[in-house]
């Protein structure tokens, strides 16, 4: 599936060829902290399937307690999280942040990871009252 996307302000733009069956929810505590929400949704792609079409993002390197490094890319102007990857062999796979994808409405997560960190109310959100707004 061909997609395109951008940060909130439009400074960083990209396009990619993704497999819609590679969209996942991550409940890890890093994703919770980085999004300010209970989870993050990401589309995984091979590095060569992603192409920047405007300005480059800024890079932040997160070092885990294990010593593994995670490369996190975001817009230097508005701060929108855009991509993530690892180092070494792990750099061959990139994660595109679901919220930055223009075609996101058609991309439903097919799996979840780091479920031990999931909030205990995660599955109960459908029962909450909601307001529809245009």
Protein backbone atom coordinates (compact mmCIF):
# COMPACT_ATOMS: atom_id res chain seq x y z
CA UNK A 1 0.00 0.00 0.00
CA UNK A 2 1.42 3.39 -0.97
CA UNK A 3 1.15 6.01 1.77
CA UNK A 4 2.36 9.52 2.39
CA UNK A 5 2.50 11.59 5.51
CA UNK A 6 3.85 14.55 7.37
CA UNK A 7 4.40 16.15 10.70
CA UNK A 8 1.76 18.45 12.19
CA UNK A 9 3.22 21.61 10.63
CA UNK A 10 4.15 20.03 7.27
CA UNK A 11 7.89 20.74 7.55
CA UNK A 12 8.81 17.03 7.24
CA UNK A 13 7.01 14.96 4.60
CA UNK A 14 7.52 11.43 3.35
CA UNK A 15 6.11 8.61 1.28
CA UNK A 16 6.39 4.87 1.73
CA UNK A 17 5.23 1.50 0.52
CA UNK A 18 3.86 -0.42 3.50
CA UNK A 19 2.24 -3.74 4.29
CA UNK A 20 -1.06 -2.99 6.12
CA UNK A 21 -0.57 -6.25 8.03
CA UNK A 22 2.49 -4.74 9.74
CA UNK A 23 0.60 -2.19 11.86
CA UNK A 24 0.88 -2.76 15.60
CA UNK A 25 0.10 -1.21 18.97
CA UNK A 26 2.99 -0.89 21.42
CA UNK A 27 2.22 -0.59 25.14
CA UNK A 28 5.83 -0.18 26.34
CA UNK A 29 6.52 2.50 28.91
CA UNK A 30 8.78 4.41 26.48
CA UNK A 31 5.92 4.68 23.97
CA UNK A 32 3.56 5.75 26.75
CA UNK A 33 5.95 8.48 27.86
CA UNK A 34 6.80 9.65 24.32
CA UNK A 35 3.14 9.93 23.27
CA UNK A 36 1.59 11.01 26.55
CA UNK A 37 -0.98 8.27 25.97
CA UNK A 38 -1.42 4.59 26.90
CA UNK A 39 0.09 3.23 23.65
CA UNK A 40 1.56 4.06 20.26
CA UNK A 41 0.51 2.72 16.85
CA UNK A 42 3.26 2.08 14.29
CA UNK A 43 3.50 0.74 10.74
CA UNK A 44 6.71 -1.25 10.28
CA UNK A 45 8.52 -0.97 6.94
CA UNK A 46 11.88 -1.90 5.46
CA UNK A 47 14.20 1.13 5.50
CA UNK A 48 14.36 1.28 1.70
CA UNK A 49 10.53 1.51 1.48
CA UNK A 50 10.54 4.96 3.13
CA UNK A 51 11.54 8.16 1.32
CA UNK A 52 11.67 11.70 2.67
CA UNK A 53 10.06 14.22 0.30
CA UNK A 54 10.85 17.48 2.12
CA UNK A 55 12.97 18.57 5.07
CA UNK A 56 14.80 16.04 7.24
CA UNK A 57 13.59 15.18 10.74
CA UNK A 58 15.68 15.60 13.88
CA UNK A 59 17.13 12.54 15.62
CA UNK A 60 17.01 11.63 19.30
CA UNK A 61 18.87 8.50 20.45
CA UNK A 62 17.40 6.59 23.41
CA UNK A 63 19.70 4.18 25.22
CA UNK A 64 17.95 1.35 27.05
CA UNK A 65 19.20 -0.18 30.29
CA UNK A 66 20.35 -3.13 28.14
CA UNK A 67 22.58 -0.78 26.13
CA UNK A 68 20.48 -1.14 22.97
CA UNK A 69 19.93 2.11 21.14
CA UNK A 70 16.65 3.27 19.63
CA UNK A 71 16.72 6.08 17.07
CA UNK A 72 13.66 8.33 17.28
CA UNK A 73 12.98 10.87 14.54
CA UNK A 74 10.72 13.89 14.96
CA UNK A 75 10.00 17.26 13.35
CA UNK A 76 12.50 19.92 14.51
CA UNK A 77 9.81 22.61 14.11
CA UNK A 78 6.65 21.19 15.75
CA UNK A 79 7.98 18.10 17.58
CA UNK A 80 5.72 15.52 15.90
CA UNK A 81 7.10 11.98 16.35
CA UNK A 82 7.56 10.44 12.89
CA UNK A 83 9.85 7.39 12.73
CA UNK A 84 11.85 4.99 14.85
CA UNK A 85 14.49 2.37 14.19
CA UNK A 86 17.31 0.53 15.88
CA UNK A 87 21.00 0.18 15.14
CA UNK A 88 22.92 -2.56 13.36
CA UNK A 89 20.61 -5.20 11.88
CA UNK A 90 17.64 -3.55 13.62
CA UNK A 91 18.17 -0.46 11.42
CA UNK A 92 16.76 -2.36 8.45
CA UNK A 93 13.21 -1.99 9.85
CA UNK A 94 11.67 1.40 10.52
CA UNK A 95 8.48 2.28 12.34
CA UNK A 96 6.28 5.00 10.90
CA UNK A 97 4.09 6.68 13.49
CA UNK A 98 0.44 6.02 12.59
CA UNK A 99 -0.71 9.56 13.40
CA UNK A 100 1.60 11.04 10.77
CA UNK A 101 0.22 8.86 7.95
CA UNK A 102 -2.38 10.58 5.76
CA UNK A 103 -4.12 7.25 5.00
CA UNK A 104 -4.22 6.21 8.69
CA UNK A 105 -8.00 5.69 8.76
CA UNK A 106 -7.49 2.59 6.59
CA UNK A 107 -4.70 1.14 8.76
CA UNK A 108 -6.02 -0.99 11.60
CA UNK A 109 -3.54 -2.54 14.04
CA UNK A 110 -3.25 -6.32 13.69
CA UNK A 111 -1.24 -7.07 16.85
CA UNK A 112 -0.03 -5.66 20.16
CA UNK A 113 3.37 -5.78 21.84
CA UNK A 114 4.64 -5.08 25.37
CA UNK A 115 1.20 -6.00 26.69
CA UNK A 116 2.54 -6.39 30.24
CA UNK A 117 2.83 -2.58 30.31
CA UNK A 118 -0.72 -2.01 29.01
CA UNK A 119 -3.02 -0.01 31.24
CA UNK A 120 -5.63 -2.11 33.03
CA UNK A 121 -8.44 -0.03 31.46
CA UNK A 122 -7.22 -0.25 27.84
CA UNK A 123 -9.99 -2.60 26.65
CA UNK A 124 -12.73 -0.64 28.41
CA UNK A 125 -12.63 2.52 26.30
CA UNK A 126 -15.57 1.45 24.08
CA UNK A 127 -17.84 1.74 27.13
CA UNK A 128 -16.94 5.41 27.70
CA UNK A 129 -19.40 8.08 26.56
CA UNK A 130 -18.24 10.00 23.50
CA UNK A 131 -18.98 13.17 21.58
CA UNK A 132 -18.80 13.20 17.77
CA UNK A 133 -17.36 16.41 16.32
CA UNK A 134 -16.63 17.47 12.78
